[in-house]
Amino acid sequence: MRRGEKRESGVGGLVRGIAAVVAACCFGFAWAAEEPPKAQPVGDPAIEARALKLGHELRCLVCQNQSIAESNAELAHDLMNQVREQLAAGKSEEEVRAYLVARYGDFVLYQPPLKASTVALWAGPFVLALAGVLALWRVLRRRSREEMPALSAEEAAHAQALLRGEGKEERS
């Protein structure tokens, strides 16, 4: 430190540091609060109805459990806008669907076509259910083959007494 310079107190530096962190957090929250752009409906109600119908048949690639018509993801809004633009340009639903499948694969469809690459999607649930039933059958079969240990004479007499309603007292 040079002569004549004032040294900052530790408290002043701490206050500036805290102020910087608070400002960064406020800026971050303001940035996060911005809403993503929504899908823009077209002016024609017939095209909008077709777009929404088709949008309910297409899976959101971000959410994967919602259609692009229901999702709030930016990609879903972009896809809905593409669907609307293509329908407004005169393309059929099948042409729009084929375009999206060519670009994103069969996964974008809620009901993918049955072909070699999608057999696992169609057969998978049935194979897993069959495997579960077979595993349960094996466990139950193994349990039925296990021998139950024989009761001693005292245990058998106590069980008979309990069945007759006698001997409600605790045995020692």
N, C-alpha and C. Protein backbone atom coordinates (compact mmCIF):
# COMPACT_ATOMS: atom_id res chain seq x y z
N MET A 1 0.84 -1.16 0.00
CA MET A 1 0.00 0.00 0.00
C MET A 1 0.89 1.24 0.00
N ARG A 2 0.57 2.22 -0.83
CA ARG A 2 1.34 3.45 -0.92
C ARG A 2 0.94 4.43 0.16
N ARG A 3 1.83 5.33 0.38
CA ARG A 3 1.53 6.38 1.36
C ARG A 3 0.43 7.28 0.86
N GLY A 4 -0.45 7.63 1.68
CA GLY A 4 -1.52 8.57 1.33
C GLY A 4 -2.79 7.87 0.85
N GLU A 5 -2.73 6.57 0.51
CA GLU A 5 -3.94 5.85 0.07
C GLU A 5 -4.71 5.39 1.28
N LYS A 6 -5.99 5.48 1.15
CA LYS A 6 -6.83 5.00 2.25
C LYS A 6 -7.12 3.53 2.03
N ARG A 7 -7.11 2.82 3.08
CA ARG A 7 -7.42 1.40 3.00
C ARG A 7 -8.92 1.21 3.23
N GLU A 8 -9.56 0.39 2.34
CA GLU A 8 -10.99 0.13 2.49
C GLU A 8 -11.22 -0.76 3.68
N SER A 9 -12.24 -0.44 4.42
CA SER A 9 -12.54 -1.29 5.57
C SER A 9 -13.16 -2.59 5.08
N GLY A 10 -13.04 -3.63 5.87
CA GLY A 10 -13.58 -4.94 5.51
C GLY A 10 -15.08 -4.91 5.38
N VAL A 11 -15.74 -4.08 6.16
CA VAL A 11 -17.20 -4.00 6.13
C VAL A 11 -17.67 -3.39 4.81
N GLY A 12 -16.97 -2.36 4.33
CA GLY A 12 -17.35 -1.72 3.07
C GLY A 12 -17.23 -2.67 1.90
N GLY A 13 -16.17 -3.46 1.89
CA GLY A 13 -16.00 -4.46 0.82
C GLY A 13 -17.07 -5.53 0.87
N LEU A 14 -17.41 -5.91 2.08
CA LEU A 14 -18.46 -6.92 2.26
C LEU A 14 -19.81 -6.41 1.78
N VAL A 15 -20.10 -5.15 2.11
CA VAL A 15 -21.37 -4.55 1.69
C VAL A 15 -21.42 -4.46 0.17
N ARG A 16 -20.31 -4.06 -0.46
CA ARG A 16 -20.29 -4.00 -1.93
C ARG A 16 -20.47 -5.38 -2.54
N GLY A 17 -19.85 -6.38 -1.94
CA GLY A 17 -20.00 -7.75 -2.44
C GLY A 17 -21.43 -8.23 -2.36
N ILE A 18 -22.06 -7.98 -1.22
CA ILE A 18 -23.47 -8.40 -1.05
C ILE A 18 -24.36 -7.65 -2.03
N ALA A 19 -24.10 -6.36 -2.23
CA ALA A 19 -24.89 -5.58 -3.18
C ALA A 19 -24.74 -6.13 -4.59
N ALA A 20 -23.53 -6.55 -4.95
CA ALA A 20 -23.30 -7.12 -6.28
C ALA A 20 -24.06 -8.43 -6.45
N VAL A 21 -24.06 -9.26 -5.42
CA VAL A 21 -24.78 -10.53 -5.49
C VAL A 21 -26.28 -10.30 -5.60
N VAL A 22 -26.81 -9.37 -4.80
CA VAL A 22 -28.25 -9.06 -4.85
C VAL A 22 -28.63 -8.53 -6.23
N ALA A 23 -27.81 -7.64 -6.80
CA ALA A 23 -28.10 -7.10 -8.13
C ALA A 23 -28.07 -8.21 -9.18
N ALA A 24 -27.11 -9.11 -9.08
CA ALA A 24 -27.03 -10.21 -10.04
C ALA A 24 -28.25 -11.11 -9.92
N CYS A 25 -28.69 -11.38 -8.69
CA CYS A 25 -29.88 -12.22 -8.51
C CYS A 25 -31.12 -11.54 -9.07
N CYS A 26 -31.26 -10.25 -8.81
CA CYS A 26 -32.44 -9.53 -9.33
C CYS A 26 -32.45 -9.54 -10.84
N PHE A 27 -31.28 -9.32 -11.45
CA PHE A 27 -31.20 -9.34 -12.91
C PHE A 27 -31.53 -10.73 -13.42
N GLY A 28 -31.03 -11.76 -12.74
CA GLY A 28 -31.30 -13.14 -13.16
C GLY A 28 -32.77 -13.49 -13.06
N PHE A 29 -33.44 -13.06 -11.98
CA PHE A 29 -34.86 -13.34 -11.83
C PHE A 29 -35.68 -12.60 -12.87
N ALA A 30 -35.29 -11.39 -13.19
CA ALA A 30 -36.01 -10.63 -14.21
C ALA A 30 -35.86 -11.31 -15.56
N TRP A 31 -34.67 -11.82 -15.84
CA TRP A 31 -34.44 -12.51 -17.11
C TRP A 31 -35.25 -13.81 -17.16
N ALA A 32 -35.31 -14.55 -16.05
CA ALA A 32 -36.03 -15.82 -16.02
C ALA A 32 -37.53 -15.61 -16.09
N ALA A 33 -38.01 -14.45 -15.68
CA ALA A 33 -39.45 -14.20 -15.65
C ALA A 33 -40.01 -13.87 -17.03
N GLU A 34 -39.13 -13.61 -18.00
CA GLU A 34 -39.62 -13.33 -19.34
C GLU A 34 -40.31 -14.56 -19.89
N GLU A 35 -41.46 -14.33 -20.50
CA GLU A 35 -42.22 -15.43 -21.04
C GLU A 35 -41.71 -15.79 -22.43
N PRO A 36 -41.62 -17.09 -22.75
CA PRO A 36 -41.21 -17.46 -24.09
C PRO A 36 -42.29 -17.07 -25.09
N PRO A 37 -41.92 -16.85 -26.33
CA PRO A 37 -42.92 -16.49 -27.32
C PRO A 37 -43.93 -17.61 -27.51
N LYS A 38 -45.18 -17.26 -27.57
CA LYS A 38 -46.26 -18.24 -27.75
C LYS A 38 -46.47 -18.51 -29.22
N ALA A 39 -47.09 -19.66 -29.49
CA ALA A 39 -47.45 -19.97 -30.86
C ALA A 39 -48.54 -19.00 -31.30
N GLN A 40 -48.43 -18.52 -32.51
CA GLN A 40 -49.35 -17.51 -33.02
C GLN A 40 -50.42 -18.14 -33.90
N PRO A 41 -51.69 -18.09 -33.48
CA PRO A 41 -52.75 -18.65 -34.32
C PRO A 41 -52.92 -17.82 -35.60
N VAL A 42 -53.32 -18.51 -36.64
CA VAL A 42 -53.57 -17.82 -37.91
C VAL A 42 -54.98 -17.24 -37.87
N GLY A 43 -55.25 -16.33 -38.78
CA GLY A 43 -56.55 -15.66 -38.80
C GLY A 43 -57.70 -16.55 -39.23
N ASP A 44 -57.43 -17.58 -40.03
CA ASP A 44 -58.48 -18.44 -40.57
C ASP A 44 -58.87 -19.52 -39.55
N PRO A 45 -60.11 -19.53 -39.08
CA PRO A 45 -60.52 -20.52 -38.07
C PRO A 45 -60.46 -21.96 -38.59
N ALA A 46 -60.68 -22.18 -39.87
CA ALA A 46 -60.63 -23.54 -40.43
C ALA A 46 -59.19 -24.07 -40.37
N ILE A 47 -58.22 -23.23 -40.74
CA ILE A 47 -56.81 -23.65 -40.69
C ILE A 47 -56.38 -23.85 -39.24
N GLU A 48 -56.85 -22.98 -38.36
CA GLU A 48 -56.49 -23.10 -36.94
C GLU A 48 -57.03 -24.40 -36.36
N ALA A 49 -58.26 -24.78 -36.74
CA ALA A 49 -58.85 -26.03 -36.25
C ALA A 49 -58.05 -27.22 -36.77
N ARG A 50 -57.66 -27.18 -38.05
CA ARG A 50 -56.84 -28.26 -38.61
C ARG A 50 -55.48 -28.33 -37.92
N ALA A 51 -54.88 -27.16 -37.65
CA ALA A 51 -53.57 -27.11 -37.00
C ALA A 51 -53.64 -27.68 -35.59
N LEU A 52 -54.69 -27.32 -34.85
CA LEU A 52 -54.83 -27.84 -33.49
C LEU A 52 -55.08 -29.35 -33.48
N LYS A 53 -55.88 -29.82 -34.43
CA LYS A 53 -56.14 -31.26 -34.53
C LYS A 53 -54.84 -32.00 -34.81
N LEU A 54 -54.06 -31.49 -35.76
CA LEU A 54 -52.78 -32.11 -36.08
C LEU A 54 -51.79 -31.94 -34.93
N GLY A 55 -51.82 -30.81 -34.26
CA GLY A 55 -50.94 -30.57 -33.12
C GLY A 55 -51.16 -31.54 -31.99
N HIS A 56 -52.39 -32.02 -31.81
CA HIS A 56 -52.69 -33.00 -30.76
C HIS A 56 -52.19 -34.39 -31.13
N GLU A 57 -51.87 -34.62 -32.41
CA GLU A 57 -51.36 -35.91 -32.85
C GLU A 57 -49.84 -35.98 -32.81
N LEU A 58 -49.18 -34.84 -32.58
CA LEU A 58 -47.73 -34.79 -32.62
C LEU A 58 -47.16 -34.60 -31.21
N ARG A 59 -46.13 -35.37 -30.89
CA ARG A 59 -45.51 -35.35 -29.57
C ARG A 59 -44.53 -34.20 -29.46
N CYS A 60 -44.55 -33.53 -28.31
CA CYS A 60 -43.55 -32.49 -28.03
C CYS A 60 -42.23 -33.19 -27.79
N LEU A 61 -41.20 -32.80 -28.49
CA LEU A 61 -39.90 -33.46 -28.38
C LEU A 61 -39.18 -33.08 -27.09
N VAL A 62 -39.62 -32.02 -26.43
CA VAL A 62 -39.00 -31.60 -25.18
C VAL A 62 -39.72 -32.27 -24.01
N CYS A 63 -41.04 -32.17 -23.97
CA CYS A 63 -41.83 -32.71 -22.85
C CYS A 63 -42.01 -34.22 -22.96
N GLN A 64 -42.29 -34.71 -24.12
CA GLN A 64 -42.48 -36.11 -24.47
C GLN A 64 -43.74 -36.74 -23.88
N ASN A 65 -44.45 -36.04 -23.04
CA ASN A 65 -45.71 -36.58 -22.56
C ASN A 65 -46.86 -35.64 -22.88
N GLN A 66 -46.58 -34.63 -23.70
CA GLN A 66 -47.61 -33.69 -24.13
C GLN A 66 -47.52 -33.54 -25.64
N SER A 67 -48.63 -33.14 -26.21
CA SER A 67 -48.62 -32.85 -27.63
C SER A 67 -48.07 -31.44 -27.84
N ILE A 68 -47.73 -31.12 -29.09
CA ILE A 68 -47.20 -29.78 -29.34
C ILE A 68 -48.29 -28.73 -29.18
N ALA A 69 -49.55 -29.13 -29.25
CA ALA A 69 -50.64 -28.18 -29.05
C ALA A 69 -50.80 -27.83 -27.57
N GLU A 70 -50.41 -28.73 -26.67
CA GLU A 70 -50.60 -28.52 -25.23
C GLU A 70 -49.35 -28.00 -24.54
N SER A 71 -48.19 -28.23 -25.11
CA SER A 71 -46.93 -27.93 -24.44
C SER A 71 -46.62 -26.43 -24.43
N ASN A 72 -45.90 -26.00 -23.38
CA ASN A 72 -45.45 -24.62 -23.29
C ASN A 72 -43.98 -24.47 -23.69
N ALA A 73 -43.36 -25.54 -24.15
CA ALA A 73 -41.95 -25.48 -24.56
C ALA A 73 -41.82 -24.64 -25.83
N GLU A 74 -40.69 -23.93 -25.93
CA GLU A 74 -40.47 -23.08 -27.10
C GLU A 74 -40.47 -23.88 -28.39
N LEU A 75 -39.86 -25.08 -28.36
CA LEU A 75 -39.83 -25.92 -29.55
C LEU A 75 -41.24 -26.30 -29.98
N ALA A 76 -42.11 -26.57 -29.02
CA ALA A 76 -43.50 -26.92 -29.35
C ALA A 76 -44.20 -25.75 -30.02
N HIS A 77 -43.95 -24.53 -29.52
CA HIS A 77 -44.55 -23.35 -30.15
C HIS A 77 -44.02 -23.17 -31.57
N ASP A 78 -42.72 -23.39 -31.74
CA ASP A 78 -42.14 -23.29 -33.08
C ASP A 78 -42.74 -24.33 -34.02
N LEU A 79 -42.92 -25.55 -33.52
CA LEU A 79 -43.50 -26.61 -34.36
C LEU A 79 -44.95 -26.29 -34.71
N MET A 80 -45.71 -25.77 -33.74
CA MET A 80 -47.10 -25.39 -34.03
C MET A 80 -47.14 -24.28 -35.07
N ASN A 81 -46.22 -23.33 -34.97
CA ASN A 81 -46.17 -22.26 -35.98
C ASN A 81 -45.82 -22.82 -37.35
N GLN A 82 -44.91 -23.80 -37.40
CA GLN A 82 -44.59 -24.44 -38.68
C GLN A 82 -45.80 -25.16 -39.25
N VAL A 83 -46.52 -25.87 -38.39
CA VAL A 83 -47.73 -26.58 -38.83
C VAL A 83 -48.73 -25.58 -39.40
N ARG A 84 -48.95 -24.47 -38.70
CA ARG A 84 -49.90 -23.45 -39.16
C ARG A 84 -49.45 -22.86 -40.50
N GLU A 85 -48.16 -22.53 -40.61
CA GLU A 85 -47.65 -21.94 -41.85
C GLU A 85 -47.82 -22.89 -43.03
N GLN A 86 -47.50 -24.17 -42.81
CA GLN A 86 -47.61 -25.12 -43.90
C GLN A 86 -49.06 -25.37 -44.30
N LEU A 87 -49.95 -25.43 -43.31
CA LEU A 87 -51.37 -25.60 -43.64
C LEU A 87 -51.90 -24.36 -44.36
N ALA A 88 -51.45 -23.18 -43.93
CA ALA A 88 -51.88 -21.94 -44.60
C ALA A 88 -51.33 -21.87 -46.01
N ALA A 89 -50.19 -22.53 -46.26
CA ALA A 89 -49.60 -22.55 -47.60
C ALA A 89 -50.29 -23.56 -48.51
N GLY A 90 -51.27 -24.29 -47.98
CA GLY A 90 -52.05 -25.20 -48.80
C GLY A 90 -51.65 -26.66 -48.70
N LYS A 91 -50.74 -26.99 -47.82
CA LYS A 91 -50.33 -28.40 -47.68
C LYS A 91 -51.39 -29.16 -46.88
N SER A 92 -51.48 -30.45 -47.16
CA SER A 92 -52.43 -31.30 -46.43
C SER A 92 -51.83 -31.73 -45.09
N GLU A 93 -52.68 -32.27 -44.22
CA GLU A 93 -52.21 -32.75 -42.91
C GLU A 93 -51.17 -33.84 -43.09
N GLU A 94 -51.40 -34.70 -44.07
CA GLU A 94 -50.46 -35.80 -44.33
C GLU A 94 -49.10 -35.28 -44.79
N GLU A 95 -49.09 -34.24 -45.60
CA GLU A 95 -47.82 -33.65 -46.06
C GLU A 95 -47.07 -33.00 -44.89
N VAL A 96 -47.80 -32.32 -44.02
CA VAL A 96 -47.18 -31.69 -42.85
C VAL A 96 -46.62 -32.76 -41.92
N ARG A 97 -47.41 -33.82 -41.70
CA ARG A 97 -46.97 -34.92 -40.85
C ARG A 97 -45.72 -35.58 -41.44
N ALA A 98 -45.71 -35.80 -42.76
CA ALA A 98 -44.54 -36.41 -43.42
C ALA A 98 -43.31 -35.51 -43.29
N TYR A 99 -43.50 -34.19 -43.39
CA TYR A 99 -42.39 -33.25 -43.23
C TYR A 99 -41.78 -33.35 -41.84
N LEU A 100 -42.64 -33.38 -40.81
CA LEU A 100 -42.15 -33.45 -39.44
C LEU A 100 -41.50 -34.79 -39.13
N VAL A 101 -42.03 -35.88 -39.70
CA VAL A 101 -41.42 -37.20 -39.50
C VAL A 101 -40.07 -37.25 -40.20
N ALA A 102 -39.96 -36.66 -41.38
CA ALA A 102 -38.68 -36.64 -42.09
C ALA A 102 -37.64 -35.84 -41.30
N ARG A 103 -38.09 -34.83 -40.63
CA ARG A 103 -37.16 -33.96 -39.90
C ARG A 103 -36.83 -34.48 -38.50
N TYR A 104 -37.82 -35.06 -37.78
CA TYR A 104 -37.63 -35.46 -36.39
C TYR A 104 -37.76 -36.96 -36.15
N GLY A 105 -38.15 -37.73 -37.13
CA GLY A 105 -38.30 -39.18 -36.97
C GLY A 105 -39.69 -39.56 -36.52
N ASP A 106 -39.94 -40.87 -36.47
CA ASP A 106 -41.26 -41.39 -36.10
C ASP A 106 -41.64 -41.08 -34.66
N PHE A 107 -40.66 -40.73 -33.84
CA PHE A 107 -40.93 -40.46 -32.43
C PHE A 107 -41.86 -39.26 -32.25
N VAL A 108 -41.90 -38.36 -33.24
CA VAL A 108 -42.75 -37.17 -33.14
C VAL A 108 -44.23 -37.54 -33.21
N LEU A 109 -44.54 -38.73 -33.71
CA LEU A 109 -45.93 -39.18 -33.81
C LEU A 109 -46.34 -39.93 -32.55
N TYR A 110 -47.55 -39.65 -32.07
CA TYR A 110 -48.05 -40.41 -30.93
C TYR A 110 -48.36 -41.85 -31.33
N GLN A 111 -48.74 -42.07 -32.57
CA GLN A 111 -49.01 -43.42 -33.06
C GLN A 111 -48.10 -43.67 -34.26
N PRO A 112 -46.84 -44.07 -33.99
CA PRO A 112 -45.92 -44.30 -35.10
C PRO A 112 -46.36 -45.50 -35.93
N PRO A 113 -46.02 -45.51 -37.22
CA PRO A 113 -46.43 -46.63 -38.07
C PRO A 113 -45.67 -47.91 -37.67
N LEU A 114 -46.28 -49.05 -37.91
CA LEU A 114 -45.64 -50.33 -37.61
C LEU A 114 -44.68 -50.66 -38.75
N LYS A 115 -43.39 -50.59 -38.45
CA LYS A 115 -42.37 -50.97 -39.42
C LYS A 115 -41.17 -51.49 -38.62
N ALA A 116 -40.14 -51.93 -39.31
CA ALA A 116 -39.01 -52.59 -38.65
C ALA A 116 -38.38 -51.71 -37.56
N SER A 117 -38.28 -50.43 -37.80
CA SER A 117 -37.62 -49.56 -36.82
C SER A 117 -38.52 -49.21 -35.63
N THR A 118 -39.81 -49.48 -35.71
CA THR A 118 -40.72 -49.15 -34.61
C THR A 118 -41.35 -50.37 -33.96
N VAL A 119 -40.87 -51.56 -34.30
CA VAL A 119 -41.44 -52.77 -33.71
C VAL A 119 -41.28 -52.76 -32.20
N ALA A 120 -40.14 -52.26 -31.71
CA ALA A 120 -39.92 -52.22 -30.26
C ALA A 120 -40.95 -51.31 -29.57
N LEU A 121 -41.34 -50.22 -30.23
CA LEU A 121 -42.34 -49.34 -29.64
C LEU A 121 -43.70 -50.03 -29.50
N TRP A 122 -44.04 -50.83 -30.49
CA TRP A 122 -45.34 -51.50 -30.48
C TRP A 122 -45.33 -52.78 -29.64
N ALA A 123 -44.25 -53.57 -29.75
CA ALA A 123 -44.22 -54.86 -29.07
C ALA A 123 -43.65 -54.77 -27.66
N GLY A 124 -42.89 -53.72 -27.36
CA GLY A 124 -42.23 -53.59 -26.07
C GLY A 124 -43.13 -53.75 -24.86
N PRO A 125 -44.24 -53.04 -24.79
CA PRO A 125 -45.12 -53.19 -23.61
C PRO A 125 -45.65 -54.62 -23.44
N PHE A 126 -45.98 -55.28 -24.55
CA PHE A 126 -46.49 -56.65 -24.46
C PHE A 126 -45.39 -57.61 -24.00
N VAL A 127 -44.18 -57.43 -24.52
CA VAL A 127 -43.05 -58.28 -24.12
C VAL A 127 -42.75 -58.09 -22.64
N LEU A 128 -42.74 -56.84 -22.17
CA LEU A 128 -42.48 -56.58 -20.75
C LEU A 128 -43.58 -57.16 -19.86
N ALA A 129 -44.83 -57.04 -20.28
CA ALA A 129 -45.93 -57.62 -19.50
C ALA A 129 -45.82 -59.14 -19.45
N LEU A 130 -45.50 -59.77 -20.57
CA LEU A 130 -45.33 -61.22 -20.61
C LEU A 130 -44.16 -61.66 -19.72
N ALA A 131 -43.05 -60.92 -19.77
CA ALA A 131 -41.90 -61.24 -18.92
C ALA A 131 -42.28 -61.12 -17.44
N GLY A 132 -43.07 -60.12 -17.08
CA GLY A 132 -43.51 -59.97 -15.70
C GLY A 132 -44.40 -61.11 -15.25
N VAL A 133 -45.31 -61.53 -16.12
CA VAL A 133 -46.20 -62.65 -15.79
C VAL A 133 -45.39 -63.94 -15.63
N LEU A 134 -44.43 -64.16 -16.52
CA LEU A 134 -43.60 -65.36 -16.42
C LEU A 134 -42.75 -65.35 -15.14
N ALA A 135 -42.20 -64.21 -14.78
CA ALA A 135 -41.40 -64.11 -13.56
C ALA A 135 -42.27 -64.38 -12.34
N LEU A 136 -43.48 -63.83 -12.31
CA LEU A 136 -44.40 -64.07 -11.20
C LEU A 136 -44.77 -65.55 -11.12
N TRP A 137 -45.04 -66.17 -12.26
CA TRP A 137 -45.39 -67.59 -12.31
C TRP A 137 -44.26 -68.44 -11.74
N ARG A 138 -43.00 -68.12 -12.12
CA ARG A 138 -41.85 -68.89 -11.62
C ARG A 138 -41.70 -68.74 -10.11
N VAL A 139 -41.88 -67.53 -9.59
CA VAL A 139 -41.74 -67.31 -8.15
C VAL A 139 -42.83 -68.08 -7.40
N LEU A 140 -44.07 -67.99 -7.89
CA LEU A 140 -45.16 -68.70 -7.22
C LEU A 140 -44.99 -70.21 -7.30
N ARG A 141 -44.50 -70.70 -8.42
CA ARG A 141 -44.27 -72.14 -8.58
C ARG A 141 -43.18 -72.61 -7.63
N ARG A 142 -42.12 -71.83 -7.50
CA ARG A 142 -41.03 -72.18 -6.59
C ARG A 142 -41.51 -72.19 -5.14
N ARG A 143 -42.37 -71.23 -4.80
CA ARG A 143 -42.89 -71.18 -3.43
C ARG A 143 -43.78 -72.38 -3.13
N SER A 144 -44.57 -72.80 -4.11
CA SER A 144 -45.48 -73.92 -3.86
C SER A 144 -44.72 -75.22 -3.69
N ARG A 145 -43.52 -75.32 -4.25
CA ARG A 145 -42.72 -76.54 -4.12
C ARG A 145 -41.97 -76.60 -2.80
N GLU A 146 -41.79 -75.47 -2.15
CA GLU A 146 -41.10 -75.47 -0.87
C GLU A 146 -41.98 -76.16 0.17
N GLU A 147 -41.35 -77.00 0.97
CA GLU A 147 -42.09 -77.71 2.00
C GLU A 147 -42.23 -76.82 3.22
N MET A 148 -43.42 -76.87 3.79
CA MET A 148 -43.67 -76.15 5.03
C MET A 148 -43.12 -76.99 6.17
N PRO A 149 -42.45 -76.40 7.13
CA PRO A 149 -41.94 -77.20 8.26
C PRO A 149 -43.11 -77.78 9.06
N ALA A 150 -42.93 -79.00 9.51
CA ALA A 150 -43.99 -79.67 10.28
C ALA A 150 -44.09 -79.03 11.67
N LEU A 151 -45.32 -79.01 12.19
CA LEU A 151 -45.54 -78.46 13.52
C LEU A 151 -45.19 -79.52 14.57
N SER A 152 -44.67 -79.03 15.65
CA SER A 152 -44.44 -79.95 16.77
C SER A 152 -45.79 -80.32 17.36
N ALA A 153 -45.81 -81.34 18.19
CA ALA A 153 -47.06 -81.79 18.80
C ALA A 153 -47.67 -80.67 19.64
N GLU A 154 -46.83 -79.94 20.36
CA GLU A 154 -47.32 -78.84 21.20
C GLU A 154 -47.94 -77.72 20.34
N GLU A 155 -47.27 -77.39 19.21
CA GLU A 155 -47.77 -76.34 18.31
C GLU A 155 -49.08 -76.77 17.66
N ALA A 156 -49.18 -78.05 17.28
CA ALA A 156 -50.41 -78.56 16.67
C ALA A 156 -51.56 -78.51 17.66
N ALA A 157 -51.30 -78.89 18.91
CA ALA A 157 -52.34 -78.86 19.93
C ALA A 157 -52.79 -77.43 20.19
N HIS A 158 -51.84 -76.50 20.22
CA HIS A 158 -52.18 -75.08 20.44
C HIS A 158 -53.01 -74.54 19.28
N ALA A 159 -52.66 -74.93 18.04
CA ALA A 159 -53.41 -74.48 16.86
C ALA A 159 -54.84 -75.02 16.91
N GLN A 160 -55.00 -76.29 17.28
CA GLN A 160 -56.33 -76.86 17.39
C GLN A 160 -57.16 -76.15 18.46
N ALA A 161 -56.51 -75.81 19.57
CA ALA A 161 -57.21 -75.11 20.64
C ALA A 161 -57.65 -73.73 20.16
N LEU A 162 -56.82 -73.05 19.42
CA LEU A 162 -57.17 -71.73 18.88
C LEU A 162 -58.34 -71.85 17.90
N LEU A 163 -58.33 -72.89 17.09
CA LEU A 163 -59.42 -73.08 16.12
C LEU A 163 -60.75 -73.37 16.82
N ARG A 164 -60.70 -74.03 17.95
CA ARG A 164 -61.92 -74.33 18.70
C ARG A 164 -62.37 -73.13 19.52
N GLY A 165 -61.55 -72.09 19.59
CA GLY A 165 -61.92 -70.92 20.37
C GLY A 165 -61.40 -70.98 21.79
N GLU A 166 -60.67 -71.99 22.09
CA GLU A 166 -60.09 -72.11 23.42
C GLU A 166 -58.69 -71.49 23.38
N GLY A 167 -58.11 -71.29 24.51
CA GLY A 167 -56.72 -70.88 24.59
C GLY A 167 -56.43 -69.51 24.01
N LYS A 168 -57.25 -68.56 24.37
CA LYS A 168 -57.02 -67.21 23.89
C LYS A 168 -55.87 -66.55 24.62
N GLU A 169 -55.42 -67.22 25.68
CA GLU A 169 -54.29 -66.67 26.44
C GLU A 169 -53.00 -66.93 25.68
N GLU A 170 -52.04 -66.12 25.98
CA GLU A 170 -50.72 -66.19 25.35
C GLU A 170 -50.03 -67.45 25.85
N ARG A 171 -49.40 -68.16 24.94
CA ARG A 171 -48.63 -69.32 25.39
C ARG A 171 -47.21 -68.88 25.68
N SER A 172 -46.54 -69.57 26.58
CA SER A 172 -45.21 -69.14 26.97
C SER A 172 -44.13 -69.89 26.24
